[in-house]
Amino acid sequence: MIKEYTQLDKIEGPLIILSGVENVSYDEIVEIRTKSGVKHGKVVQLYKDKAIVQVFEPTSGLSVKDVSVKFTGNPLTISLSKDILGRVFNGIGEPIDGGGNVFGGVKRDVNGRPMNPVAREYPRNFIQTGISAIDCLTTLIRGQKLPVFSGNGLPHNELAAQIVKQAKISDEENGEFAIVFAAMGLKHDDAQFFLKSFEESGVLQRVVMFLNLADDPVVERIITPRCALTAAEYLAFEENMHILVIMTDMTSYCEALREISSAKEEVPGRKGYPGYLYSDLASLYERAGMMKTSKGSITQIPILTMPNDDITNPIPDLTGYITEGQIVLSRDIYQRNVYPPINILPSLSRLAKDGIGEGYTREDHPGLANQIFAAYSKVQEVKALSQVIGEDELSDIDKKYLQFGKAFEYEFLNQSFDENRSMEETLDLGWKVLSILPESELDRIDSKLIEKYYRRG
């Protein structure tokens, strides 16, 4: 027999607190019946006979009396089948595209667990994004977690949309490739931008979207990435597909976590974020990877905006610890009208070394990428020197490095929103800008490869 509780102790923001509860478990879904309808929530804290429940809908107008609370005994589940491709859902997995409910599939608990390290397969093959700075220098490997560190006003939404439109794997497997897109705290015009971009480019049929908008309940923001990752796990490990999960904006997610932690009166950690922020983020990021028992894979690109462009903020700081590299967007490069404004020096892909080169991309790829990093680093030194002594006083070789730096930013990094470069085009373009430098400066590349690819004259 299911008990119903008819009085609350307290309402605190998105939380309700009630006492005298029995046989209640953590993460259990709760039905809250009021005169105006039914709201839903989940149990987030238990202490003796007290339960704290996060309400998914707004709690304004809710009374501690005239209410009926029922614990369902089940966690939050979503319905899944291969038919979710091309569909749009809200933050808690309910269809909002007018296409009706998902039938004929399975129900899955959204509170999935990180993959067992013993069951993981080491990631190897790359995913081509069509963006030179990523494909050549911070190559995305299948099964990897590669976040994008951005800032307010930088074009991370455009970059995310471009990756969704252009991402592909090898031609023989591309039919089994799909994208799960999770948006948290998204403004309405940004949501329309993504929907319009995907529809116009014809990729919507291989995209599953979970949208939590800025005016949606904060609590829903906590559920959105878990719904998206549950859908990705189903497609990857039960339908044997290769799934790319893009989650934006993780900063909105963390701020929602902070708001709820504050309402629960928990002891705050750095910058007011809860002390368990690291383990909470890890519970999301570690759901990416490849399994030995399945052909499918989950690759993650979490996108986060760094408050005040501060890379030492807890969100990018902890994300960097958990993930395998990062792509950093630069305000300075963006102000020079370069898109995408990727600063390659603090950017890296820790798994790239095992998924590029002969047999994967092209034999010259690892050496070319290393040489570009080294040369662009030298460009920064020369720029600093020129500000002290003046550009005219630089040596001839230093002037060559400045020439290389300009060509690299405006020819290699810079590309239009609709420009989709193949890996061959990207690598050839890398050689074109690198050939501005004398052969004697190319000390990171095998001499046979220089002989084959260097452009003389």
Protein backbone atom coordinates (compact mmCIF):
# COMPACT_ATOMS: atom_id res chain seq x y z
CA MET A 1 0.00 0.00 0.00
CA ILE A 2 1.39 3.40 -1.02
CA LYS A 3 1.14 6.07 1.67
CA GLU A 4 0.24 9.67 0.90
CA TYR A 5 1.52 12.56 3.01
CA THR A 6 -0.79 15.55 3.31
CA GLN A 7 1.39 18.15 5.01
CA LEU A 8 4.81 19.64 4.33
CA ASP A 9 7.22 20.93 6.97
CA LYS A 10 8.79 23.61 4.80
CA ILE A 11 9.16 24.95 1.23
CA GLU A 12 12.63 26.33 0.45
CA GLY A 13 13.09 27.51 -3.16
CA PRO A 14 12.90 24.40 -5.40
CA LEU A 15 12.88 22.08 -2.33
CA ILE A 16 10.11 20.73 -0.14
CA ILE A 17 10.79 19.11 3.23
CA LEU A 18 8.49 16.64 4.96
CA SER A 19 8.84 14.39 8.00
CA GLY A 20 7.41 11.09 9.21
CA VAL A 21 8.29 9.30 5.96
CA GLU A 22 8.89 5.54 5.79
CA ASN A 23 10.53 3.21 3.24
CA VAL A 24 11.74 6.05 1.03
CA SER A 25 14.94 5.80 -1.04
CA TYR A 26 17.38 8.29 -2.54
CA ASP A 27 16.59 9.47 -6.15
CA GLU A 28 13.02 8.16 -5.86
CA ILE A 29 10.44 10.04 -7.95
CA VAL A 30 7.71 11.87 -6.03
CA GLU A 31 4.22 12.99 -7.15
CA ILE A 32 2.96 16.21 -5.55
CA ARG A 33 -0.76 16.80 -6.06
CA THR A 34 -2.11 20.32 -5.57
CA LYS A 35 -5.35 22.07 -6.46
CA SER A 36 -3.72 23.35 -9.64
CA GLY A 37 -2.42 19.99 -10.84
CA VAL A 38 0.38 17.44 -10.39
CA LYS A 39 4.04 18.31 -9.97
CA HIS A 40 6.95 15.89 -9.88
CA GLY A 41 10.20 15.81 -7.96
CA LYS A 42 12.88 13.46 -6.69
CA VAL A 43 14.31 12.65 -3.26
CA VAL A 44 17.72 14.29 -2.85
CA GLN A 45 18.35 13.87 0.88
CA LEU A 46 17.20 11.61 3.70
CA TYR A 47 17.78 12.04 7.43
CA LYS A 48 16.01 9.72 9.90
CA ASP A 49 12.30 10.23 9.09
CA LYS A 50 12.79 13.44 7.08
CA ALA A 51 13.01 13.68 3.27
CA ILE A 52 14.09 16.61 1.11
CA VAL A 53 12.54 16.59 -2.36
CA GLN A 54 13.65 18.61 -5.41
CA VAL A 55 10.58 19.75 -7.36
CA PHE A 56 11.00 19.80 -11.14
CA GLU A 57 8.33 22.47 -11.71
CA PRO A 58 8.21 25.92 -10.02
CA THR A 59 7.14 25.83 -6.35
CA SER A 60 5.49 29.27 -6.39
CA GLY A 61 1.92 29.02 -5.14
CA LEU A 62 2.63 25.72 -3.36
CA SER A 63 1.26 25.54 0.20
CA VAL A 64 2.49 23.41 3.11
CA LYS A 65 -1.15 22.36 3.49
CA ASP A 66 -3.69 21.39 0.80
CA VAL A 67 -1.11 19.12 -0.78
CA SER A 68 -0.73 15.38 -1.26
CA VAL A 69 2.74 13.83 -1.62
CA LYS A 70 3.18 10.27 -2.89
CA PHE A 71 6.50 8.40 -3.19
CA THR A 72 6.37 6.21 -6.32
CA GLY A 73 9.16 3.81 -5.34
CA ASN A 74 10.84 4.25 -8.75
CA PRO A 75 13.72 6.42 -10.03
CA LEU A 76 13.29 8.78 -12.99
CA THR A 77 13.20 6.76 -16.22
CA ILE A 78 12.94 7.73 -19.88
CA SER A 79 11.60 5.72 -22.83
CA LEU A 80 14.18 4.87 -25.47
CA SER A 81 14.26 3.28 -28.91
CA LYS A 82 16.09 4.00 -32.15
CA ASP A 83 13.13 6.25 -33.03
CA ILE A 84 14.45 8.97 -30.69
CA LEU A 85 16.79 10.05 -33.53
CA GLY A 86 15.49 13.30 -35.00
CA ARG A 87 13.40 14.04 -31.90
CA VAL A 88 13.46 17.03 -29.49
CA PHE A 89 12.86 16.52 -25.74
CA ASN A 90 12.74 18.83 -22.75
CA GLY A 91 15.23 18.62 -19.89
CA ILE A 92 13.56 15.63 -18.22
CA GLY A 93 13.09 13.59 -21.40
CA GLU A 94 9.51 14.54 -22.35
CA PRO A 95 8.87 15.11 -26.11
CA ILE A 96 8.33 18.78 -27.05
CA ASP A 97 8.40 18.47 -30.84
CA GLY A 98 4.77 17.39 -31.29
CA GLY A 99 5.82 13.89 -32.34
CA GLY A 100 4.16 12.10 -29.44
CA ASN A 101 5.62 9.73 -26.87
CA VAL A 102 8.29 7.13 -27.62
CA PHE A 103 6.73 3.64 -27.83
CA GLY A 104 8.00 0.12 -28.41
CA GLY A 105 11.36 0.60 -26.77
CA VAL A 106 12.79 0.22 -23.29
CA LYS A 107 12.72 2.32 -20.13
CA ARG A 108 16.05 3.27 -18.58
CA ASP A 109 16.95 4.85 -15.23
CA VAL A 110 18.67 8.20 -15.95
CA ASN A 111 20.97 7.82 -12.93
CA GLY A 112 23.49 5.74 -14.84
CA ARG A 113 26.87 4.81 -13.46
CA PRO A 114 30.37 5.57 -14.78
CA MET A 115 31.95 2.81 -16.86
CA ASN A 116 34.01 0.20 -15.09
CA PRO A 117 37.65 0.89 -16.08
CA VAL A 118 38.24 -2.87 -16.54
CA ALA A 119 35.45 -3.03 -19.15
CA ARG A 120 36.82 -0.10 -21.20
CA GLU A 121 38.40 -0.39 -24.62
CA TYR A 122 41.29 2.01 -25.31
CA PRO A 123 40.10 4.74 -27.76
CA ARG A 124 41.83 4.77 -31.16
CA ASN A 125 39.96 6.04 -34.24
CA PHE A 126 39.36 9.76 -34.74
CA ILE A 127 36.19 11.77 -35.41
CA GLN A 128 36.54 14.36 -38.17
CA THR A 129 34.90 17.70 -37.34
CA GLY A 130 35.85 19.57 -40.54
CA ILE A 131 37.51 22.25 -38.37
CA SER A 132 41.26 22.46 -39.05
CA ALA A 133 42.35 23.63 -35.59
CA ILE A 134 40.62 20.63 -34.00
CA ASP A 135 41.32 17.94 -36.62
CA CYS A 136 45.02 18.71 -36.97
CA LEU A 137 46.09 19.99 -33.55
CA THR A 138 43.61 18.73 -30.92
CA THR A 139 42.26 15.67 -32.73
CA LEU A 140 39.03 14.26 -31.31
CA ILE A 141 39.34 10.52 -30.69
CA ARG A 142 36.34 8.19 -30.55
CA GLY A 143 35.48 7.53 -26.89
CA GLN A 144 37.27 10.66 -25.64
CA LYS A 145 36.09 13.47 -23.34
CA LEU A 146 37.31 16.75 -24.90
CA PRO A 147 35.78 19.91 -23.38
CA VAL A 148 35.62 23.38 -24.93
CA PHE A 149 36.60 26.21 -22.55
CA SER A 150 34.92 29.41 -23.72
CA GLY A 151 33.83 32.77 -22.33
CA ASN A 152 30.69 34.92 -22.44
CA GLY A 153 30.25 36.45 -25.90
CA LEU A 154 32.59 34.00 -27.64
CA PRO A 155 31.16 31.88 -30.49
CA HIS A 156 30.95 28.54 -28.67
CA ASN A 157 27.34 28.03 -29.82
CA GLU A 158 28.39 28.47 -33.45
CA LEU A 159 31.29 26.06 -32.90
CA ALA A 160 28.95 23.48 -31.33
CA ALA A 161 26.47 23.80 -34.22
CA GLN A 162 29.29 23.48 -36.77
CA ILE A 163 30.61 20.32 -35.10
CA VAL A 164 27.11 18.79 -35.09
CA LYS A 165 26.66 19.63 -38.80
CA GLN A 166 30.07 18.41 -39.95
CA ALA A 167 31.17 15.61 -37.61
CA LYS A 168 31.74 12.26 -39.30
CA ILE A 169 33.65 9.02 -38.85
CA SER A 170 35.05 6.70 -41.54
CA ASP A 171 32.80 6.40 -44.60
CA GLU A 172 31.99 2.69 -44.09
CA GLU A 173 30.79 3.34 -40.50
CA ASN A 174 29.18 6.78 -40.93
CA GLY A 175 25.66 5.31 -41.15
CA GLU A 176 26.04 4.22 -37.52
CA PHE A 177 27.05 7.69 -36.30
CA ALA A 178 24.66 10.00 -34.42
CA ILE A 179 24.76 13.01 -32.09
CA VAL A 180 23.07 13.62 -28.74
CA PHE A 181 22.81 17.33 -28.00
CA ALA A 182 22.07 18.51 -24.43
CA ALA A 183 21.49 22.20 -23.72
CA MET A 184 21.23 23.59 -20.18
CA GLY A 185 19.98 27.10 -19.38
CA LEU A 186 19.79 27.97 -23.08
CA LYS A 187 18.16 31.25 -24.17
CA HIS A 188 15.20 30.92 -26.53
CA ASP A 189 16.96 32.60 -29.47
CA ASP A 190 19.97 30.27 -29.05
CA ALA A 191 17.64 27.25 -29.01
CA GLN A 192 16.05 28.47 -32.25
CA PHE A 193 19.52 29.00 -33.75
CA PHE A 194 20.46 25.36 -33.07
CA LEU A 195 17.16 23.97 -34.36
CA LYS A 196 17.30 26.10 -37.52
CA SER A 197 20.98 25.21 -38.17
CA PHE A 198 20.31 21.47 -37.85
CA GLU A 199 17.15 21.60 -40.00
CA GLU A 200 18.75 23.65 -42.78
CA SER A 201 21.85 21.44 -42.94
CA GLY A 202 19.73 18.26 -42.99
CA VAL A 203 21.40 16.63 -39.97
CA LEU A 204 18.41 16.80 -37.61
CA GLN A 205 17.49 13.18 -38.45
CA ARG A 206 20.67 11.92 -36.78
CA VAL A 207 20.47 14.27 -33.77
CA VAL A 208 18.64 13.72 -30.46
CA MET A 209 18.09 17.05 -28.65
CA PHE A 210 17.43 17.62 -24.94
CA LEU A 211 16.62 21.29 -24.32
CA ASN A 212 16.47 22.95 -20.91
CA LEU A 213 15.73 26.62 -21.53
CA ALA A 214 16.72 29.57 -19.34
CA ASP A 215 13.18 30.00 -17.98
CA ASP A 216 12.75 26.29 -17.21
CA PRO A 217 13.08 25.12 -13.59
CA VAL A 218 16.63 25.05 -12.23
CA VAL A 219 16.19 21.49 -10.96
CA GLU A 220 15.49 20.29 -14.50
CA ARG A 221 18.98 21.49 -15.42
CA ILE A 222 20.47 18.84 -13.13
CA ILE A 223 18.54 16.07 -14.93
CA THR A 224 19.18 17.17 -18.55
CA PRO A 225 22.74 15.81 -19.04
CA ARG A 226 21.74 12.56 -17.31
CA CYS A 227 18.82 12.06 -19.72
CA ALA A 228 21.12 12.81 -22.67
CA LEU A 229 23.81 10.39 -21.50
CA THR A 230 21.23 7.67 -20.83
CA ALA A 231 19.99 8.06 -24.42
CA ALA A 232 23.60 7.96 -25.66
CA GLU A 233 24.33 4.77 -23.68
CA TYR A 234 21.28 3.07 -25.16
CA LEU A 235 22.21 3.99 -28.75
CA ALA A 236 25.90 3.14 -28.27
CA PHE A 237 25.79 -0.09 -26.29
CA GLU A 238 22.44 -1.58 -27.32
CA GLU A 239 22.17 -0.31 -30.91
CA ASN A 240 25.98 -0.44 -31.53
CA MET A 241 26.17 3.15 -32.77
CA HIS A 242 28.98 5.70 -32.42
CA ILE A 243 27.56 8.64 -30.45
CA LEU A 244 28.97 12.13 -30.03
CA VAL A 245 27.46 13.90 -26.99
CA ILE A 246 27.66 17.71 -26.94
CA MET A 247 26.67 19.33 -23.62
CA THR A 248 26.36 23.11 -23.34
CA ASP A 249 26.64 25.00 -21.04
CA MET A 250 28.20 23.07 -18.14
CA THR A 251 28.57 26.36 -16.24
CA SER A 252 24.74 26.65 -16.13
CA TYR A 253 24.62 23.09 -14.80
CA CYS A 254 27.17 23.85 -12.05
CA GLU A 255 25.39 27.06 -11.07
CA ALA A 256 22.13 25.11 -10.74
CA LEU A 257 23.98 22.63 -8.54
CA ARG A 258 25.26 25.54 -6.41
CA GLU A 259 21.77 27.06 -6.09
CA ILE A 260 20.25 23.78 -4.93
CA SER A 261 23.16 23.09 -2.58
CA SER A 262 22.63 26.52 -1.03
CA ALA A 263 18.89 25.85 -0.58
CA LYS A 264 19.80 22.58 1.18
CA GLU A 265 22.07 24.66 3.47
CA GLU A 266 25.13 22.55 2.68
CA VAL A 267 28.59 23.81 3.60
CA PRO A 268 29.93 25.59 0.47
CA GLY A 269 33.31 24.90 -1.11
CA ARG A 270 35.34 27.05 -3.55
CA LYS A 271 33.38 30.04 -4.95
CA GLY A 272 30.26 28.75 -3.20
CA TYR A 273 30.05 25.54 -5.27
CA PRO A 274 29.29 22.37 -3.30
CA GLY A 275 32.23 20.32 -2.05
CA TYR A 276 31.09 17.36 -4.18
CA LEU A 277 31.31 19.31 -7.48
CA TYR A 278 34.29 17.19 -8.62
CA SER A 279 32.56 13.85 -8.05
CA ASP A 280 29.31 15.15 -9.54
CA LEU A 281 31.05 16.26 -12.76
CA ALA A 282 32.98 12.98 -12.84
CA SER A 283 29.68 11.06 -12.65
CA LEU A 284 28.76 12.71 -15.99
CA TYR A 285 32.10 12.79 -17.79
CA GLU A 286 33.03 9.20 -16.95
CA ARG A 287 29.96 7.91 -18.79
CA ALA A 288 31.93 8.39 -22.05
CA GLY A 289 34.17 5.77 -23.62
CA MET A 290 34.25 2.45 -25.47
CA MET A 291 33.32 -0.96 -24.05
CA LYS A 292 35.03 -4.27 -24.87
CA THR A 293 31.60 -5.91 -25.15
CA SER A 294 30.13 -3.45 -27.69
CA LYS A 295 31.02 -2.02 -31.09
CA GLY A 296 29.53 1.34 -30.14
CA SER A 297 31.21 4.31 -28.44
CA ILE A 298 30.34 7.53 -26.60
CA THR A 299 32.47 10.63 -27.22
CA GLN A 300 31.82 13.79 -25.19
CA ILE A 301 32.35 17.47 -25.94
CA PRO A 302 31.22 19.40 -22.84
CA ILE A 303 31.18 23.16 -23.47
CA LEU A 304 31.57 25.58 -20.57
CA THR A 305 31.86 29.36 -20.28
CA MET A 306 34.60 30.39 -17.87
CA PRO A 307 33.34 33.14 -15.50
CA ASN A 308 35.47 36.27 -16.18
CA ASP A 309 37.55 34.15 -18.63
CA ASP A 310 39.22 32.63 -15.55
CA ILE A 311 40.62 29.19 -16.39
CA THR A 312 41.38 28.62 -12.67
CA ASN A 313 37.65 28.85 -11.80
CA PRO A 314 36.47 25.57 -10.16
CA ILE A 315 34.39 24.52 -13.20
CA PRO A 316 37.16 24.51 -15.88
CA ASP A 317 39.73 23.53 -13.23
CA LEU A 318 37.89 20.37 -12.15
CA THR A 319 36.76 19.60 -15.71
CA GLY A 320 40.41 19.67 -16.82
CA TYR A 321 41.31 17.10 -14.14
CA ILE A 322 38.64 14.64 -15.27
CA THR A 323 38.77 14.97 -19.07
CA GLU A 324 41.46 14.13 -21.62
CA GLY A 325 42.47 17.59 -22.76
CA GLN A 326 40.67 20.81 -23.66
CA ILE A 327 39.99 23.23 -26.53
CA VAL A 328 40.40 26.83 -25.33
CA LEU A 329 38.72 29.75 -27.12
CA SER A 330 40.59 33.07 -26.97
CA ARG A 331 38.97 36.51 -26.71
CA ASP A 332 42.16 38.09 -28.09
CA ILE A 333 42.07 35.94 -31.26
CA TYR A 334 38.31 36.52 -31.63
CA GLN A 335 38.88 40.29 -31.56
CA ARG A 336 41.17 39.85 -34.56
CA ASN A 337 38.12 38.51 -36.53
CA VAL A 338 39.34 34.91 -36.57
CA TYR A 339 36.72 32.14 -36.37
CA PRO A 340 36.91 29.72 -34.65
CA PRO A 341 39.11 31.66 -32.17
CA ILE A 342 40.93 28.60 -30.83
CA ASN A 343 44.12 29.32 -28.89
CA ILE A 344 46.15 26.22 -29.72
CA LEU A 345 48.87 26.71 -27.08
CA PRO A 346 46.80 25.88 -23.96
CA SER A 347 44.68 23.44 -26.00
CA LEU A 348 45.54 19.76 -26.22
CA SER A 349 44.10 16.32 -26.85
CA ARG A 350 45.81 13.75 -24.63
CA LEU A 351 44.58 10.78 -26.69
CA ALA A 352 45.45 12.23 -30.12
CA LYS A 353 48.88 10.52 -30.26
CA ASP A 354 47.20 7.09 -30.44
CA GLY A 355 44.59 7.94 -33.08
CA ILE A 356 46.54 9.89 -35.71
CA GLY A 357 49.36 9.12 -38.12
CA GLU A 358 49.80 6.25 -40.57
CA GLY A 359 46.79 3.94 -40.63
CA TYR A 360 44.50 6.55 -39.08
CA THR A 361 44.93 10.00 -40.69
CA ARG A 362 48.22 10.45 -42.62
CA GLU A 363 51.85 9.62 -41.91
CA ASP A 364 52.93 13.27 -41.53
CA HIS A 365 50.17 14.29 -39.09
CA PRO A 366 51.97 13.84 -35.70
CA GLY A 367 55.16 15.61 -36.84
CA LEU A 368 53.24 18.40 -38.57
CA ALA A 369 51.11 19.09 -35.47
CA ASN A 370 54.19 19.15 -33.19
CA GLN A 371 56.00 21.54 -35.52
CA ILE A 372 53.02 23.92 -35.74
CA PHE A 373 52.76 24.04 -31.93
CA ALA A 374 56.51 24.76 -31.64
CA ALA A 375 56.46 27.42 -34.38
CA TYR A 376 53.37 29.21 -33.00
CA SER A 377 54.94 29.23 -29.55
CA LYS A 378 58.00 30.91 -31.07
CA VAL A 379 55.67 33.47 -32.72
CA GLN A 380 54.51 34.60 -29.24
CA GLU A 381 58.13 35.12 -28.16
CA VAL A 382 58.90 37.15 -31.29
CA LYS A 383 55.77 39.30 -30.79
CA ALA A 384 56.85 40.07 -27.23
CA LEU A 385 60.36 40.96 -28.45
CA SER A 386 59.02 43.20 -31.24
CA GLN A 387 57.05 45.23 -28.68
CA VAL A 388 60.33 46.01 -26.93
CA ILE A 389 62.75 46.66 -29.81
CA GLY A 390 60.32 47.35 -32.69
CA GLU A 391 59.49 45.12 -35.65
CA ASP A 392 62.12 46.71 -37.93
CA GLU A 393 64.93 45.61 -35.61
CA LEU A 394 63.96 41.93 -35.73
CA SER A 395 66.20 39.41 -37.50
CA ASP A 396 65.13 37.98 -40.86
CA ILE A 397 64.19 34.65 -39.29
CA ASP A 398 62.08 36.39 -36.63
CA LYS A 399 60.25 38.28 -39.38
CA LYS A 400 59.56 34.92 -41.06
CA TYR A 401 57.99 33.71 -37.81
CA LEU A 402 55.71 36.78 -37.69
CA GLN A 403 54.72 36.07 -41.29
CA PHE A 404 54.01 32.45 -40.37
CA GLY A 405 51.94 33.55 -37.34
CA LYS A 406 49.74 35.80 -39.44
CA ALA A 407 49.26 33.15 -42.16
CA PHE A 408 48.52 30.49 -39.54
CA GLU A 409 45.77 32.55 -37.89
CA TYR A 410 44.12 33.95 -41.03
CA GLU A 411 44.52 30.96 -43.39
CA PHE A 412 44.72 27.85 -41.20
CA LEU A 413 42.74 28.70 -38.04
CA ASN A 414 40.25 30.97 -39.77
CA GLN A 415 37.42 29.31 -41.68
CA SER A 416 33.78 30.13 -42.30
CA PHE A 417 30.86 28.66 -40.34
CA ASP A 418 29.85 26.56 -43.37
CA GLU A 419 33.36 25.46 -44.40
CA ASN A 420 33.90 21.72 -43.96
CA ARG A 421 37.56 20.79 -44.55
CA SER A 422 38.62 17.20 -45.06
CA MET A 423 41.61 15.85 -43.12
CA GLU A 424 43.70 15.93 -46.34
CA GLU A 425 42.83 19.60 -46.94
CA THR A 426 43.67 20.47 -43.33
CA LEU A 427 47.07 18.75 -43.40
CA ASP A 428 47.94 20.25 -46.81
CA LEU A 429 47.01 23.70 -45.49
CA GLY A 430 49.25 23.07 -42.47
CA TRP A 431 52.19 22.40 -44.80
CA LYS A 432 51.36 25.49 -46.85
CA VAL A 433 51.68 27.85 -43.85
CA LEU A 434 54.63 25.92 -42.37
CA SER A 435 56.51 26.24 -45.67
CA ILE A 436 56.84 30.00 -44.99
CA LEU A 437 59.61 29.01 -42.55
CA PRO A 438 63.01 27.78 -43.84
CA GLU A 439 63.54 24.01 -43.83
CA SER A 440 66.27 24.44 -41.22
CA GLU A 441 63.63 25.56 -38.68
CA LEU A 442 61.59 22.36 -39.04
CA ASP A 443 63.25 20.29 -36.33
CA ARG A 444 60.19 18.29 -35.19
CA ILE A 445 59.52 16.49 -38.49
CA ASP A 446 61.31 13.55 -40.11
CA SER A 447 63.52 14.66 -43.01
CA LYS A 448 61.79 12.18 -45.38
CA LEU A 449 58.44 13.81 -44.67
CA ILE A 450 59.91 17.28 -45.19
CA GLU A 451 61.26 16.09 -48.53
CA LYS A 452 57.83 14.76 -49.52
CA TYR A 453 55.50 17.55 -48.27
CA TYR A 454 57.49 20.79 -47.85
CA ARG A 455 56.54 23.40 -50.49
CA ARG A 456 59.64 24.97 -51.97
CA GLY A 457 59.51 28.22 -53.90
